[in-house]
């Protein structure tokens, strides 16, 4: 099994994004099956998502709407949700997938 963790950094504020809901789902023949949900802590980290099997295709969904509405002066968020799909390779023990977020852009990468 492979662990999945993430964190969200608000690059426009230069600090972690606390309280962002995160969902982990598994791709199945019938669509997406939610495996777990959590929210980022005061350090912007989500560490308690469930482990997944090697060879799985999984999706992280970040519900960024509330955070961006709070920090963007009340304007409707341009990216109310960020979805990241990745394949879990055999032999990997852990994936860390950070999200760098600002009101009009985002970036994700495979972290360590």
PDB file of N, CA and C in Angstrom:
ATOM      1  N   UNK A   1       0.844  -1.187   0.000  1.00  0.00           N
ATOM      2  CA  UNK A   1       0.000   0.000   0.000  1.00  0.00           C
ATOM      3  C   UNK A   1       0.888   1.248   0.000  1.00  0.00           C
ATOM      4  N   UNK A   2       0.364   2.294  -0.607  1.00  0.00           N
ATOM      5  CA  UNK A   2       1.103   3.540  -0.759  1.00  0.00           C
ATOM      6  C   UNK A   2       0.363   4.670  -0.058  1.00  0.00           C
ATOM      7  N   UNK A   3       1.066   5.390   0.805  1.00  0.00           N
ATOM      8  CA  UNK A   3       0.486   6.532   1.500  1.00  0.00           C
ATOM      9  C   UNK A   3       0.427   7.753   0.600  1.00  0.00           C
ATOM     10  N   UNK A   4      -0.578   8.578   0.817  1.00  0.00           N
ATOM     11  CA  UNK A   4      -0.755   9.822   0.073  1.00  0.00           C
ATOM     12  C   UNK A   4      -0.867  10.959   1.088  1.00  0.00           C
ATOM     13  N   UNK A   5      -0.082  12.015   0.880  1.00  0.00           N
ATOM     14  CA  UNK A   5      -0.222  13.221   1.693  1.00  0.00           C
ATOM     15  C   UNK A   5      -0.135  14.431   0.773  1.00  0.00           C
ATOM     16  N   UNK A   6      -0.540  15.573   1.292  1.00  0.00           N
ATOM     17  CA  UNK A   6      -0.509  16.798   0.506  1.00  0.00           C
ATOM     18  C   UNK A   6      -0.383  17.989   1.445  1.00  0.00           C
ATOM     19  N   UNK A   7      -0.082  19.120   0.876  1.00  0.00           N
ATOM     20  CA  UNK A   7      -0.231  20.370   1.602  1.00  0.00           C
ATOM     21  C   UNK A   7      -0.577  21.462   0.610  1.00  0.00           C
ATOM     22  N   UNK A   8      -1.196  22.510   1.115  1.00  0.00           N
ATOM     23  CA  UNK A   8      -1.630  23.625   0.283  1.00  0.00           C
ATOM     24  C   UNK A   8      -0.951  24.884   0.787  1.00  0.00           C
ATOM     25  N   UNK A   9      -0.243  25.541  -0.112  1.00  0.00           N
ATOM     26  CA  UNK A   9       0.409  26.809   0.205  1.00  0.00           C
ATOM     27  C   UNK A   9      -0.237  27.904  -0.631  1.00  0.00           C
ATOM     28  N   UNK A  10      -0.661  28.965   0.013  1.00  0.00           N
ATOM     29  CA  UNK A  10      -1.234  30.108  -0.688  1.00  0.00           C
ATOM     30  C   UNK A  10      -0.082  31.034  -1.050  1.00  0.00           C
ATOM     31  N   UNK A  11       0.313  31.014  -2.301  1.00  0.00           N
ATOM     32  CA  UNK A  11       1.491  31.787  -2.721  1.00  0.00           C
ATOM     33  C   UNK A  11       1.216  33.287  -2.766  1.00  0.00           C
ATOM     34  N   UNK A  12      -0.050  33.684  -2.847  1.00  0.00           N
ATOM     35  CA  UNK A  12      -0.342  35.121  -2.840  1.00  0.00           C
ATOM     36  C   UNK A  12      -0.189  35.713  -1.440  1.00  0.00           C
ATOM     37  N   UNK A  13      -0.390  34.882  -0.423  1.00  0.00           N
ATOM     38  CA  UNK A  13      -0.240  35.329   0.959  1.00  0.00           C
ATOM     39  C   UNK A  13       1.099  34.937   1.564  1.00  0.00           C
ATOM     40  N   UNK A  14       1.766  33.976   0.934  1.00  0.00           N
ATOM     41  CA  UNK A  14       3.048  33.510   1.453  1.00  0.00           C
ATOM     42  C   UNK A  14       2.917  32.672   2.707  1.00  0.00           C
ATOM     43  N   UNK A  15       1.808  31.923   2.817  1.00  0.00           N
ATOM     44  CA  UNK A  15       1.623  31.081   4.004  1.00  0.00           C
ATOM     45  C   UNK A  15       0.739  29.878   3.673  1.00  0.00           C
ATOM     46  N   UNK A  16       0.700  28.910   4.586  1.00  0.00           N
ATOM     47  CA  UNK A  16      -0.142  27.727   4.374  1.00  0.00           C
ATOM     48  C   UNK A  16      -1.625  28.100   4.328  1.00  0.00           C
ATOM     49  N   UNK A  17      -2.385  27.293   3.592  1.00  0.00           N
ATOM     50  CA  UNK A  17      -3.833  27.471   3.512  1.00  0.00           C
ATOM     51  C   UNK A  17      -4.491  26.483   4.471  1.00  0.00           C
ATOM     52  N   UNK A  18      -5.001  26.999   5.561  1.00  0.00           N
ATOM     53  CA  UNK A  18      -5.632  26.167   6.584  1.00  0.00           C
ATOM     54  C   UNK A  18      -7.103  25.943   6.266  1.00  0.00           C
ATOM     55  N   UNK A  19      -7.595  24.740   6.576  1.00  0.00           N
ATOM     56  CA  UNK A  19      -9.017  24.447   6.465  1.00  0.00           C
ATOM     57  C   UNK A  19      -9.524  24.131   5.077  1.00  0.00           C
ATOM     58  N   UNK A  20      -8.632  23.814   4.139  1.00  0.00           N
ATOM     59  CA  UNK A  20      -9.061  23.454   2.786  1.00  0.00           C
ATOM     60  C   UNK A  20      -9.483  21.980   2.785  1.00  0.00           C
ATOM     61  N   UNK A  21     -10.753  21.681   2.462  1.00  0.00           N
ATOM     62  CA  UNK A  21     -11.184  20.292   2.385  1.00  0.00           C
ATOM     63  C   UNK A  21     -10.481  19.554   1.235  1.00  0.00           C
ATOM     64  N   UNK A  22     -10.072  18.314   1.512  1.00  0.00           N
ATOM     65  CA  UNK A  22      -9.384  17.479   0.519  1.00  0.00           C
ATOM     66  C   UNK A  22     -10.076  16.124   0.491  1.00  0.00           C
ATOM     67  N   UNK A  23     -10.346  15.644  -0.723  1.00  0.00           N
ATOM     68  CA  UNK A  23     -10.964  14.331  -0.909  1.00  0.00           C
ATOM     69  C   UNK A  23     -10.019  13.452  -1.726  1.00  0.00           C
ATOM     70  N   UNK A  24      -9.888  12.196  -1.326  1.00  0.00           N
ATOM     71  CA  UNK A  24      -9.114  11.210  -2.081  1.00  0.00           C
ATOM     72  C   UNK A  24     -10.091  10.184  -2.621  1.00  0.00           C
ATOM     73  N   UNK A  25     -10.058   9.965  -3.944  1.00  0.00           N
ATOM     74  CA  UNK A  25     -10.961   9.011  -4.582  1.00  0.00           C
ATOM     75  C   UNK A  25     -10.158   8.062  -5.477  1.00  0.00           C
ATOM     76  N   UNK A  26     -10.689   6.878  -5.655  1.00  0.00           N
ATOM     77  CA  UNK A  26     -10.096   5.826  -6.477  1.00  0.00           C
ATOM     78  C   UNK A  26     -10.919   5.678  -7.753  1.00  0.00           C
ATOM     79  N   UNK A  27     -10.227   5.598  -8.924  1.00  0.00           N
ATOM     80  CA  UNK A  27     -10.942   5.368 -10.173  1.00  0.00           C
ATOM     81  C   UNK A  27     -11.316   3.902 -10.267  1.00  0.00           C
ATOM     82  N   UNK A  28     -12.574   3.631 -10.505  1.00  0.00           N
ATOM     83  CA  UNK A  28     -13.071   2.274 -10.677  1.00  0.00           C
ATOM     84  C   UNK A  28     -13.758   2.186 -12.034  1.00  0.00           C
ATOM     85  N   UNK A  29     -14.192   0.995 -12.384  1.00  0.00           N
ATOM     86  CA  UNK A  29     -14.908   0.804 -13.645  1.00  0.00           C
ATOM     87  C   UNK A  29     -16.214   1.597 -13.666  1.00  0.00           C
ATOM     88  N   UNK A  30     -16.765   1.884 -12.497  1.00  0.00           N
ATOM     89  CA  UNK A  30     -18.041   2.603 -12.396  1.00  0.00           C
ATOM     90  C   UNK A  30     -17.885   4.092 -12.122  1.00  0.00           C
ATOM     91  N   UNK A  31     -16.674   4.599 -12.094  1.00  0.00           N
ATOM     92  CA  UNK A  31     -16.446   6.018 -11.801  1.00  0.00           C
ATOM     93  C   UNK A  31     -15.482   6.180 -10.648  1.00  0.00           C
ATOM     94  N   UNK A  32     -15.705   7.200  -9.835  1.00  0.00           N
ATOM     95  CA  UNK A  32     -14.821   7.510  -8.716  1.00  0.00           C
ATOM     96  C   UNK A  32     -15.438   7.062  -7.402  1.00  0.00           C
ATOM     97  N   UNK A  33     -14.640   6.358  -6.611  1.00  0.00           N
ATOM     98  CA  UNK A  33     -15.060   5.907  -5.282  1.00  0.00           C
ATOM     99  C   UNK A  33     -14.265   6.696  -4.246  1.00  0.00           C
ATOM    100  N   UNK A  34     -14.960   7.451  -3.406  1.00  0.00           N
ATOM    101  CA  UNK A  34     -14.300   8.253  -2.377  1.00  0.00           C
ATOM    102  C   UNK A  34     -13.724   7.318  -1.318  1.00  0.00           C
ATOM    103  N   UNK A  35     -12.427   7.481  -1.058  1.00  0.00           N
ATOM    104  CA  UNK A  35     -11.738   6.673  -0.046  1.00  0.00           C
ATOM    105  C   UNK A  35     -11.625   7.395   1.287  1.00  0.00           C
ATOM    106  N   UNK A  36     -11.548   8.718   1.240  1.00  0.00           N
ATOM    107  CA  UNK A  36     -11.406   9.476   2.474  1.00  0.00           C
ATOM    108  C   UNK A  36     -11.448  10.962   2.220  1.00  0.00           C
ATOM    109  N   UNK A  37     -11.777  11.695   3.270  1.00  0.00           N
ATOM    110  CA  UNK A  37     -11.780  13.154   3.218  1.00  0.00           C
ATOM    111  C   UNK A  37     -11.101  13.687   4.465  1.00  0.00           C
ATOM    112  N   UNK A  38     -10.559  14.884   4.342  1.00  0.00           N
ATOM    113  CA  UNK A  38      -9.898  15.548   5.450  1.00  0.00           C
ATOM    114  C   UNK A  38      -9.878  17.039   5.142  1.00  0.00           C
ATOM    115  N   UNK A  39      -9.218  17.816   5.962  1.00  0.00           N
ATOM    116  CA  UNK A  39      -9.005  19.234   5.709  1.00  0.00           C
ATOM    117  C   UNK A  39      -7.582  19.572   6.138  1.00  0.00           C
ATOM    118  N   UNK A  40      -7.014  20.576   5.503  1.00  0.00           N
ATOM    119  CA  UNK A  40      -5.647  20.963   5.836  1.00  0.00           C
ATOM    120  C   UNK A  40      -5.598  21.565   7.242  1.00  0.00           C
ATOM    121  N   UNK A  41      -4.485  21.299   7.925  1.00  0.00           N
ATOM    122  CA  UNK A  41      -4.294  21.806   9.286  1.00  0.00           C
ATOM    123  C   UNK A  41      -3.689  23.210   9.251  1.00  0.00           C
ATOM    124  N   UNK A  42      -3.291  23.725  10.382  1.00  0.00           N
ATOM    125  CA  UNK A  42      -2.747  25.090  10.464  1.00  0.00           C
ATOM    126  C   UNK A  42      -1.451  25.259   9.685  1.00  0.00           C
ATOM    127  N   UNK A  43      -0.792  24.157   9.372  1.00  0.00           N
ATOM    128  CA  UNK A  43       0.422  24.181   8.547  1.00  0.00           C
ATOM    129  C   UNK A  43       0.098  23.901   7.086  1.00  0.00           C
ATOM    130  N   UNK A  44      -1.184  23.833   6.745  1.00  0.00           N
ATOM    131  CA  UNK A  44      -1.607  23.588   5.370  1.00  0.00           C
ATOM    132  C   UNK A  44      -1.492  22.136   4.942  1.00  0.00           C
ATOM    133  N   UNK A  45      -1.254  21.230   5.889  1.00  0.00           N
ATOM    134  CA  UNK A  45      -0.996  19.826   5.552  1.00  0.00           C
ATOM    135  C   UNK A  45      -2.204  18.934   5.800  1.00  0.00           C
ATOM    136  N   UNK A  46      -2.334  17.930   4.921  1.00  0.00           N
ATOM    137  CA  UNK A  46      -3.330  16.869   5.065  1.00  0.00           C
ATOM    138  C   UNK A  46      -2.548  15.564   5.105  1.00  0.00           C
ATOM    139  N   UNK A  47      -2.449  15.003   6.297  1.00  0.00           N
ATOM    140  CA  UNK A  47      -1.593  13.835   6.507  1.00  0.00           C
ATOM    141  C   UNK A  47      -2.374  12.555   6.744  1.00  0.00           C
ATOM    142  N   UNK A  48      -3.681  12.625   6.885  1.00  0.00           N
ATOM    143  CA  UNK A  48      -4.444  11.457   7.323  1.00  0.00           C
ATOM    144  C   UNK A  48      -5.318  10.828   6.235  1.00  0.00           C
ATOM    145  N   UNK A  49      -4.890  10.929   4.991  1.00  0.00           N
ATOM    146  CA  UNK A  49      -5.609  10.264   3.914  1.00  0.00           C
ATOM    147  C   UNK A  49      -5.258   8.774   3.909  1.00  0.00           C
ATOM    148  N   UNK A  50      -6.184   7.915   3.466  1.00  0.00           N
ATOM    149  CA  UNK A  50      -5.908   6.476   3.480  1.00  0.00           C
ATOM    150  C   UNK A  50      -4.875   6.070   2.433  1.00  0.00           C
ATOM    151  N   UNK A  51      -4.205   4.956   2.685  1.00  0.00           N
ATOM    152  CA  UNK A  51      -3.251   4.387   1.730  1.00  0.00           C
ATOM    153  C   UNK A  51      -4.018   3.743   0.580  1.00  0.00           C
ATOM    154  N   UNK A  52      -3.350   3.626  -0.563  1.00  0.00           N
ATOM    155  CA  UNK A  52      -3.965   3.046  -1.759  1.00  0.00           C
ATOM    156  C   UNK A  52      -3.062   1.957  -2.329  1.00  0.00           C
ATOM    157  N   UNK A  53      -3.633   1.095  -3.132  1.00  0.00           N
ATOM    158  CA  UNK A  53      -2.889  -0.005  -3.727  1.00  0.00           C
ATOM    159  C   UNK A  53      -2.064   0.473  -4.915  1.00  0.00           C
ATOM    160  N   UNK A  54      -0.908  -0.154  -5.110  1.00  0.00           N
ATOM    161  CA  UNK A  54      -0.064   0.138  -6.272  1.00  0.00           C
ATOM    162  C   UNK A  54      -0.847  -0.153  -7.545  1.00  0.00           C
ATOM    163  N   UNK A  55      -0.612   0.653  -8.563  1.00  0.00           N
ATOM    164  CA  UNK A  55      -1.301   0.507  -9.832  1.00  0.00           C
ATOM    165  C   UNK A  55      -2.626   1.243  -9.893  1.00  0.00           C
ATOM    166  N   UNK A  56      -3.042   1.825  -8.783  1.00  0.00           N
ATOM    167  CA  UNK A  56      -4.310   2.561  -8.737  1.00  0.00           C
ATOM    168  C   UNK A  56      -4.168   3.914  -9.416  1.00  0.00           C
ATOM    169  N   UNK A  57      -5.284   4.385  -9.955  1.00  0.00           N
ATOM    170  CA  UNK A  57      -5.387   5.769 -10.401  1.00  0.00           C
ATOM    171  C   UNK A  57      -6.261   6.461  -9.375  1.00  0.00           C
ATOM    172  N   UNK A  58      -5.733   7.529  -8.782  1.00  0.00           N
ATOM    173  CA  UNK A  58      -6.443   8.233  -7.722  1.00  0.00           C
ATOM    174  C   UNK A  58      -6.598   9.706  -8.067  1.00  0.00           C
ATOM    175  N   UNK A  59      -7.546  10.331  -7.386  1.00  0.00           N
ATOM    176  CA  UNK A  59      -7.808  11.751  -7.605  1.00  0.00           C
ATOM    177  C   UNK A  59      -7.843  12.461  -6.261  1.00  0.00           C
ATOM    178  N   UNK A  60      -7.115  13.548  -6.174  1.00  0.00           N
ATOM    179  CA  UNK A  60      -7.212  14.473  -5.041  1.00  0.00           C
ATOM    180  C   UNK A  60      -8.063  15.653  -5.488  1.00  0.00           C
ATOM    181  N   UNK A  61      -9.104  15.955  -4.729  1.00  0.00           N
ATOM    182  CA  UNK A  61      -9.948  17.108  -5.033  1.00  0.00           C
ATOM    183  C   UNK A  61      -9.824  18.084  -3.871  1.00  0.00           C
ATOM    184  N   UNK A  62      -9.367  19.282  -4.180  1.00  0.00           N
ATOM    185  CA  UNK A  62      -9.204  20.347  -3.199  1.00  0.00           C
ATOM    186  C   UNK A  62     -10.371  21.316  -3.360  1.00  0.00           C
ATOM    187  N   UNK A  63     -11.179  21.481  -2.330  1.00  0.00           N
ATOM    188  CA  UNK A  63     -12.295  22.412  -2.355  1.00  0.00           C
ATOM    189  C   UNK A  63     -11.752  23.776  -1.920  1.00  0.00           C
ATOM    190  N   UNK A  64     -11.288  24.535  -2.892  1.00  0.00           N
ATOM    191  CA  UNK A  64     -10.580  25.789  -2.626  1.00  0.00           C
ATOM    192  C   UNK A  64     -11.512  27.003  -2.525  1.00  0.00           C
ATOM    193  N   UNK A  65     -12.799  26.813  -2.771  1.00  0.00           N
ATOM    194  CA  UNK A  65     -13.731  27.943  -2.853  1.00  0.00           C
ATOM    195  C   UNK A  65     -13.747  28.810  -1.594  1.00  0.00           C
ATOM    196  N   UNK A  66     -13.940  28.204  -0.438  1.00  0.00           N
ATOM    197  CA  UNK A  66     -14.061  28.991   0.793  1.00  0.00           C
ATOM    198  C   UNK A  66     -12.766  29.730   1.114  1.00  0.00           C
ATOM    199  N   UNK A  67     -11.630  29.034   0.968  1.00  0.00           N
ATOM    200  CA  UNK A  67     -10.349  29.685   1.261  1.00  0.00           C
ATOM    201  C   UNK A  67     -10.133  30.883   0.339  1.00  0.00           C
ATOM    202  N   UNK A  68     -10.356  30.693  -0.955  1.00  0.00           N
ATOM    203  CA  UNK A  68     -10.123  31.788  -1.902  1.00  0.00           C
ATOM    204  C   UNK A  68     -11.115  32.928  -1.693  1.00  0.00           C
ATOM    205  N   UNK A  69     -12.350  32.625  -1.353  1.00  0.00           N
ATOM    206  CA  UNK A  69     -13.330  33.688  -1.091  1.00  0.00           C
ATOM    207  C   UNK A  69     -12.914  34.523   0.122  1.00  0.00           C
ATOM    208  N   UNK A  70     -12.378  33.841   1.159  1.00  0.00           N
ATOM    209  CA  UNK A  70     -11.923  34.556   2.366  1.00  0.00           C
ATOM    210  C   UNK A  70     -10.731  35.445   2.081  1.00  0.00           C
ATOM    211  N   UNK A  71      -9.819  34.970   1.251  1.00  0.00           N
ATOM    212  CA  UNK A  71      -8.554  35.678   1.060  1.00  0.00           C
ATOM    213  C   UNK A  71      -8.545  36.610  -0.142  1.00  0.00           C
ATOM    214  N   UNK A  72      -9.544  36.517  -1.001  1.00  0.00           N
ATOM    215  CA  UNK A  72      -9.564  37.349  -2.209  1.00  0.00           C
ATOM    216  C   UNK A  72     -10.535  38.514  -2.084  1.00  0.00           C
ATOM    217  N   UNK A  73     -10.848  38.909  -0.867  1.00  0.00           N
ATOM    218  CA  UNK A  73     -11.689  40.083  -0.665  1.00  0.00           C
ATOM    219  C   UNK A  73     -13.151  39.860  -0.994  1.00  0.00           C
ATOM    220  N   UNK A  74     -13.613  38.634  -0.962  1.00  0.00           N
ATOM    221  CA  UNK A  74     -15.023  38.359  -1.199  1.00  0.00           C
ATOM    222  C   UNK A  74     -15.394  38.127  -2.647  1.00  0.00           C
ATOM    223  N   UNK A  75     -14.459  38.291  -3.572  1.00  0.00           N
ATOM    224  CA  UNK A  75     -14.759  38.006  -4.973  1.00  0.00           C
ATOM    225  C   UNK A  75     -15.002  36.510  -5.152  1.00  0.00           C
ATOM    226  N   UNK A  76     -15.869  36.131  -6.096  1.00  0.00           N
ATOM    227  CA  UNK A  76     -16.064  34.698  -6.343  1.00  0.00           C
ATOM    228  C   UNK A  76     -14.744  34.070  -6.787  1.00  0.00           C
ATOM    229  N   UNK A  77     -14.418  32.880  -6.287  1.00  0.00           N
ATOM    230  CA  UNK A  77     -13.148  32.264  -6.658  1.00  0.00           C
ATOM    231  C   UNK A  77     -13.127  31.831  -8.123  1.00  0.00           C
ATOM    232  N   UNK A  78     -12.035  32.108  -8.791  1.00  0.00           N
ATOM    233  CA  UNK A  78     -11.863  31.695 -10.182  1.00  0.00           C
ATOM    234  C   UNK A  78     -11.691  30.181 -10.265  1.00  0.00           C
ATOM    235  N   UNK A  79     -10.969  29.601  -9.310  1.00  0.00           N
ATOM    236  CA  UNK A  79     -10.783  28.158  -9.218  1.00  0.00           C
ATOM    237  C   UNK A  79     -11.432  27.658  -7.925  1.00  0.00           C
ATOM    238  N   UNK A  80     -12.740  27.371  -7.925  1.00  0.00           N
ATOM    239  CA  UNK A  80     -13.390  26.921  -6.700  1.00  0.00           C
ATOM    240  C   UNK A  80     -13.001  25.500  -6.308  1.00  0.00           C
ATOM    241  N   UNK A  81     -12.398  24.785  -7.239  1.00  0.00           N
ATOM    242  CA  UNK A  81     -11.994  23.406  -6.978  1.00  0.00           C
ATOM    243  C   UNK A  81     -10.779  23.085  -7.848  1.00  0.00           C
ATOM    244  N   UNK A  82      -9.861  22.320  -7.276  1.00  0.00           N
ATOM    245  CA  UNK A  82      -8.701  21.836  -8.030  1.00  0.00           C
ATOM    246  C   UNK A  82      -8.714  20.317  -7.935  1.00  0.00           C
ATOM    247  N   UNK A  83      -8.643  19.671  -9.094  1.00  0.00           N
ATOM    248  CA  UNK A  83      -8.647  18.213  -9.154  1.00  0.00           C
ATOM    249  C   UNK A  83      -7.325  17.745  -9.755  1.00  0.00           C
ATOM    250  N   UNK A  84      -6.685  16.793  -9.074  1.00  0.00           N
ATOM    251  CA  UNK A  84      -5.395  16.259  -9.511  1.00  0.00           C
ATOM    252  C   UNK A  84      -5.517  14.743  -9.590  1.00  0.00           C
ATOM    253  N   UNK A  85      -5.244  14.190 -10.761  1.00  0.00           N
ATOM    254  CA  UNK A  85      -5.325  12.745 -10.964  1.00  0.00           C
ATOM    255  C   UNK A  85      -3.914  12.208 -11.165  1.00  0.00           C
ATOM    256  N   UNK A  86      -3.586  11.111 -10.468  1.00  0.00           N
ATOM    257  CA  UNK A  86      -2.260  10.524 -10.584  1.00  0.00           C
ATOM    258  C   UNK A  86      -2.326   9.006 -10.516  1.00  0.00           C
ATOM    259  N   UNK A  87      -1.292   8.374 -11.046  1.00  0.00           N
ATOM    260  CA  UNK A  87      -1.160   6.924 -11.008  1.00  0.00           C
ATOM    261  C   UNK A  87      -0.160   6.546  -9.933  1.00  0.00           C
ATOM    262  N   UNK A  88      -0.531   5.589  -9.107  1.00  0.00           N
ATOM    263  CA  UNK A  88       0.331   5.108  -8.035  1.00  0.00           C
ATOM    264  C   UNK A  88       1.168   3.954  -8.589  1.00  0.00           C
ATOM    265  N   UNK A  89       2.460   4.171  -8.726  1.00  0.00           N
ATOM    266  CA  UNK A  89       3.353   3.174  -9.314  1.00  0.00           C
ATOM    267  C   UNK A  89       3.698   2.076  -8.315  1.00  0.00           C
ATOM    268  N   UNK A  90       3.896   0.862  -8.803  1.00  0.00           N
ATOM    269  CA  UNK A  90       4.343  -0.227  -7.921  1.00  0.00           C
ATOM    270  C   UNK A  90       5.687   0.127  -7.273  1.00  0.00           C
ATOM    271  N   UNK A  91       5.854  -0.315  -6.052  1.00  0.00           N
ATOM    272  CA  UNK A  91       7.122  -0.111  -5.357  1.00  0.00           C
ATOM    273  C   UNK A  91       7.266   1.219  -4.651  1.00  0.00           C
ATOM    274  N   UNK A  92       6.291   2.091  -4.764  1.00  0.00           N
ATOM    275  CA  UNK A  92       6.354   3.389  -4.095  1.00  0.00           C
ATOM    276  C   UNK A  92       5.675   3.273  -2.733  1.00  0.00           C
ATOM    277  N   UNK A  93       6.311   3.788  -1.703  1.00  0.00           N
ATOM    278  CA  UNK A  93       5.755   3.691  -0.356  1.00  0.00           C
ATOM    279  C   UNK A  93       4.941   4.913   0.040  1.00  0.00           C
ATOM    280  N   UNK A  94       5.238   6.047  -0.608  1.00  0.00           N
ATOM    281  CA  UNK A  94       4.542   7.276  -0.238  1.00  0.00           C
ATOM    282  C   UNK A  94       4.607   8.285  -1.384  1.00  0.00           C
ATOM    283  N   UNK A  95       3.518   9.005  -1.570  1.00  0.00           N
ATOM    284  CA  UNK A  95       3.488  10.147  -2.486  1.00  0.00           C
ATOM    285  C   UNK A  95       3.069  11.380  -1.695  1.00  0.00           C
ATOM    286  N   UNK A  96       3.786  12.475  -1.928  1.00  0.00           N
ATOM    287  CA  UNK A  96       3.408  13.766  -1.368  1.00  0.00           C
ATOM    288  C   UNK A  96       3.122  14.683  -2.553  1.00  0.00           C
ATOM    289  N   UNK A  97       1.908  15.241  -2.607  1.00  0.00           N
ATOM    290  CA  UNK A  97       1.470  16.024  -3.760  1.00  0.00           C
ATOM    291  C   UNK A  97       1.054  17.416  -3.287  1.00  0.00           C
ATOM    292  N   UNK A  98       1.989  18.372  -3.250  1.00  0.00           N
ATOM    293  CA  UNK A  98       1.661  19.728  -2.805  1.00  0.00           C
ATOM    294  C   UNK A  98       0.889  20.514  -3.864  1.00  0.00           C
ATOM    295  N   UNK A  99       0.044  21.423  -3.379  1.00  0.00           N
ATOM    296  CA  UNK A  99      -0.699  22.353  -4.225  1.00  0.00           C
ATOM    297  C   UNK A  99      -0.251  23.763  -3.868  1.00  0.00           C
ATOM    298  N   UNK A 100       0.258  24.478  -4.843  1.00  0.00           N
ATOM    299  CA  UNK A 100       0.601  25.897  -4.688  1.00  0.00           C
ATOM    300  C   UNK A 100      -0.553  26.676  -5.303  1.00  0.00           C
ATOM    301  N   UNK A 101      -1.206  27.505  -4.515  1.00  0.00           N
ATOM    302  CA  UNK A 101      -2.467  28.119  -4.905  1.00  0.00           C
ATOM    303  C   UNK A 101      -2.398  29.631  -4.806  1.00  0.00           C
ATOM    304  N   UNK A 102      -3.016  30.302  -5.778  1.00  0.00           N
ATOM    305  CA  UNK A 102      -3.260  31.731  -5.684  1.00  0.00           C
ATOM    306  C   UNK A 102      -4.597  32.005  -6.360  1.00  0.00           C
ATOM    307  N   UNK A 103      -5.150  33.203  -6.276  1.00  0.00           N
ATOM    308  CA  UNK A 103      -6.500  33.426  -6.791  1.00  0.00           C
ATOM    309  C   UNK A 103      -6.700  33.114  -8.275  1.00  0.00           C
ATOM    310  N   UNK A 104      -5.655  33.222  -9.090  1.00  0.00           N
ATOM    311  CA  UNK A 104      -5.836  33.021 -10.521  1.00  0.00           C
ATOM    312  C   UNK A 104      -4.889  31.989 -11.112  1.00  0.00           C
ATOM    313  N   UNK A 105      -4.371  31.110 -10.264  1.00  0.00           N
ATOM    314  CA  UNK A 105      -3.503  30.061 -10.769  1.00  0.00           C
ATOM    315  C   UNK A 105      -3.179  29.051  -9.698  1.00  0.00           C
ATOM    316  N   UNK A 106      -2.695  27.904 -10.145  1.00  0.00           N
ATOM    317  CA  UNK A 106      -2.233  26.884  -9.202  1.00  0.00           C
ATOM    318  C   UNK A 106      -1.225  25.990  -9.907  1.00  0.00           C
ATOM    319  N   UNK A 107      -0.459  25.289  -9.089  1.00  0.00           N
ATOM    320  CA  UNK A 107       0.535  24.360  -9.595  1.00  0.00           C
ATOM    321  C   UNK A 107       0.608  23.189  -8.617  1.00  0.00           C
ATOM    322  N   UNK A 108       0.814  22.002  -9.153  1.00  0.00           N
ATOM    323  CA  UNK A 108       1.008  20.818  -8.326  1.00  0.00           C
ATOM    324  C   UNK A 108       2.285  20.123  -8.788  1.00  0.00           C
ATOM    325  N   UNK A 109       2.858  19.345  -7.900  1.00  0.00           N
ATOM    326  CA  UNK A 109       4.057  18.605  -8.245  1.00  0.00           C
ATOM    327  C   UNK A 109       4.213  17.412  -7.323  1.00  0.00           C
ATOM    328  N   UNK A 110       5.051  16.479  -7.726  1.00  0.00           N
ATOM    329  CA  UNK A 110       5.357  15.348  -6.846  1.00  0.00           C
ATOM    330  C   UNK A 110       6.443  15.795  -5.891  1.00  0.00           C
ATOM    331  N   UNK A 111       6.103  15.889  -4.645  1.00  0.00           N
ATOM    332  CA  UNK A 111       7.052  16.317  -3.629  1.00  0.00           C
ATOM    333  C   UNK A 111       7.765  15.131  -3.014  1.00  0.00           C
ATOM    334  N   UNK A 112       8.431  15.412  -1.915  1.00  0.00           N
ATOM    335  CA  UNK A 112       9.174  14.329  -1.233  1.00  0.00           C
ATOM    336  C   UNK A 112       8.726  14.223   0.210  1.00  0.00           C
TER     337      UNK A 112
END
